[in-house]
Amino acid sequence: MYCCAYCFASFAGRQFGRSAREWGDYLYMKKNAADLAREELARMPEHKRHGTMLLSSVTDPYQGHETKYRLSRGILRELKTGVPGPGPHPDQVAPSSPAASTCSPACPAPRSARR
């Protein structure tokens, strides 16, 4: 976690009863995020399985925990297999963390993370 003092996302913890001073000392994640994405895609009519999806709109989807849990990678894999077309384009994913390099050739890291 980055715990940036200027981060606009620090409000998020207060929704769960955390104080502003605790910002950066905790992490909430859905360990079943890929399963939830697969289930959501299965319920979605095929004609709606296209367009743009906003993933991790408040924080970087490739924070340090990604190297262990690979949640973002799993969601991108579900999108690649569950949505018609080529799947997420690496240039449309813009994380700022080196943890993005945990992606595999089947789901490559975005160019911004390839260093």
Protein backbone atom coordinates (compact mmCIF):
# COMPACT_ATOMS: atom_id res chain seq x y z
CA MET A 1 0.00 0.00 0.00
CA TYR A 2 1.24 3.44 -0.82
CA CYS A 3 -0.51 5.54 1.84
CA CYS A 4 -0.04 8.71 -0.16
CA ALA A 5 -0.93 11.81 1.88
CA TYR A 6 -2.44 13.43 -1.22
CA CYS A 7 -4.55 10.43 -2.26
CA PHE A 8 -8.19 11.21 -2.94
CA ALA A 9 -9.11 7.65 -1.92
CA SER A 10 -8.47 8.20 1.79
CA PHE A 11 -12.21 8.83 2.20
CA ALA A 12 -12.97 5.17 1.49
CA GLY A 13 -11.99 3.83 4.91
CA ARG A 14 -14.35 6.19 6.68
CA GLN A 15 -17.20 4.32 4.99
CA PHE A 16 -16.07 1.30 7.03
CA GLY A 17 -15.54 3.14 10.31
CA ARG A 18 -11.82 3.86 9.90
CA SER A 19 -10.37 7.21 10.95
CA ALA A 20 -8.41 9.42 8.57
CA ARG A 21 -5.25 8.75 10.63
CA GLU A 22 -5.52 5.02 9.90
CA TRP A 23 -5.26 5.60 6.14
CA GLY A 24 -2.72 3.16 4.73
CA ASP A 25 -2.73 0.80 7.73
CA TYR A 26 -5.41 -1.56 6.44
CA LEU A 27 -6.53 -3.28 3.28
CA TYR A 28 -9.96 -4.52 2.24
CA MET A 29 -10.04 -6.97 -0.63
CA LYS A 30 -12.43 -9.47 -2.12
CA LYS A 31 -10.44 -12.68 -2.36
CA ASN A 32 -13.19 -14.12 -4.57
CA ALA A 33 -13.15 -11.18 -7.01
CA ALA A 34 -12.47 -13.34 -10.09
CA ASP A 35 -15.31 -15.69 -9.15
CA LEU A 36 -17.64 -12.71 -8.71
CA ALA A 37 -16.61 -11.35 -12.11
CA ARG A 38 -17.28 -14.73 -13.75
CA GLU A 39 -20.71 -14.98 -12.10
CA GLU A 40 -21.61 -11.42 -13.11
CA LEU A 41 -20.58 -12.07 -16.73
CA ALA A 42 -22.62 -15.29 -16.78
CA ARG A 43 -25.74 -13.38 -15.68
CA MET A 44 -25.18 -10.59 -18.18
CA PRO A 45 -26.95 -10.89 -21.55
CA GLU A 46 -24.40 -11.48 -24.30
CA HIS A 47 -25.33 -8.28 -26.14
CA LYS A 48 -24.21 -6.31 -23.07
CA ARG A 49 -20.82 -8.02 -22.74
CA HIS A 50 -18.85 -5.30 -24.46
CA GLY A 51 -17.78 -1.76 -23.91
CA THR A 52 -15.80 -0.34 -21.04
CA MET A 53 -15.39 -1.61 -17.51
CA LEU A 54 -13.89 0.43 -14.71
CA LEU A 55 -11.74 -1.78 -12.52
CA SER A 56 -10.39 -0.42 -9.24
CA SER A 57 -11.63 3.13 -9.64
CA VAL A 58 -10.43 4.27 -6.21
CA THR A 59 -7.04 2.57 -5.80
CA ASP A 60 -4.32 1.05 -7.95
CA PRO A 61 -5.37 -2.51 -8.92
CA TYR A 62 -1.74 -3.67 -8.75
CA GLN A 63 -0.74 -2.89 -5.17
CA GLY A 64 1.68 -5.17 -3.33
CA HIS A 65 -0.94 -7.76 -2.39
CA GLU A 66 -1.44 -8.48 -6.11
CA THR A 67 1.77 -10.52 -6.19
CA LYS A 68 0.22 -12.96 -3.69
CA TYR A 69 -3.51 -12.91 -4.45
CA ARG A 70 -3.49 -11.99 -8.18
CA LEU A 71 -7.00 -10.57 -7.96
CA SER A 72 -6.68 -8.06 -10.80
CA ARG A 73 -5.04 -10.68 -13.00
CA GLY A 74 -7.91 -13.09 -12.28
CA ILE A 75 -10.54 -10.49 -13.14
CA LEU A 76 -8.76 -9.60 -16.39
CA ARG A 77 -8.59 -13.32 -17.27
CA GLU A 78 -12.35 -13.65 -16.70
CA LEU A 79 -12.99 -10.63 -18.91
CA LYS A 80 -10.75 -12.05 -21.61
CA THR A 81 -12.63 -15.37 -21.65
CA GLY A 82 -16.14 -14.10 -20.87
CA VAL A 83 -16.43 -11.13 -23.21
CA PRO A 84 -16.53 -11.40 -27.02
CA GLY A 85 -13.57 -9.77 -28.74
CA PRO A 86 -9.87 -9.56 -27.96
CA GLY A 87 -10.26 -8.80 -24.26
CA PRO A 88 -8.64 -6.00 -22.29
CA HIS A 89 -5.97 -4.19 -24.27
CA PRO A 90 -2.76 -3.72 -22.26
CA ASP A 91 -2.55 -0.04 -23.18
CA GLN A 92 -5.95 0.58 -21.60
CA VAL A 93 -4.74 -0.58 -18.20
CA ALA A 94 -2.61 1.99 -16.39
CA PRO A 95 -1.40 0.87 -12.96
CA SER A 96 1.43 2.67 -11.23
CA SER A 97 2.78 -0.27 -9.25
CA PRO A 98 5.59 -2.68 -10.11
CA ALA A 99 3.23 -5.48 -8.94
CA ALA A 100 1.65 -5.24 -12.41
CA SER A 101 4.61 -7.28 -13.63
CA THR A 102 2.99 -10.36 -11.99
CA CYS A 103 0.87 -10.84 -15.09
CA SER A 104 1.52 -13.82 -17.32
CA PRO A 105 1.89 -14.02 -21.13
CA ALA A 106 -1.78 -15.05 -21.25
CA CYS A 107 -2.68 -11.80 -19.53
CA PRO A 108 0.31 -9.48 -20.10
CA ALA A 109 1.21 -6.55 -17.91
CA PRO A 110 0.29 -3.15 -19.31
CA ARG A 111 3.07 -1.33 -21.13
CA SER A 112 3.22 1.24 -18.35
CA ALA A 113 4.37 -1.53 -15.99
CA ARG A 114 6.89 -3.21 -18.31
CA ARG A 115 10.24 -1.80 -17.26
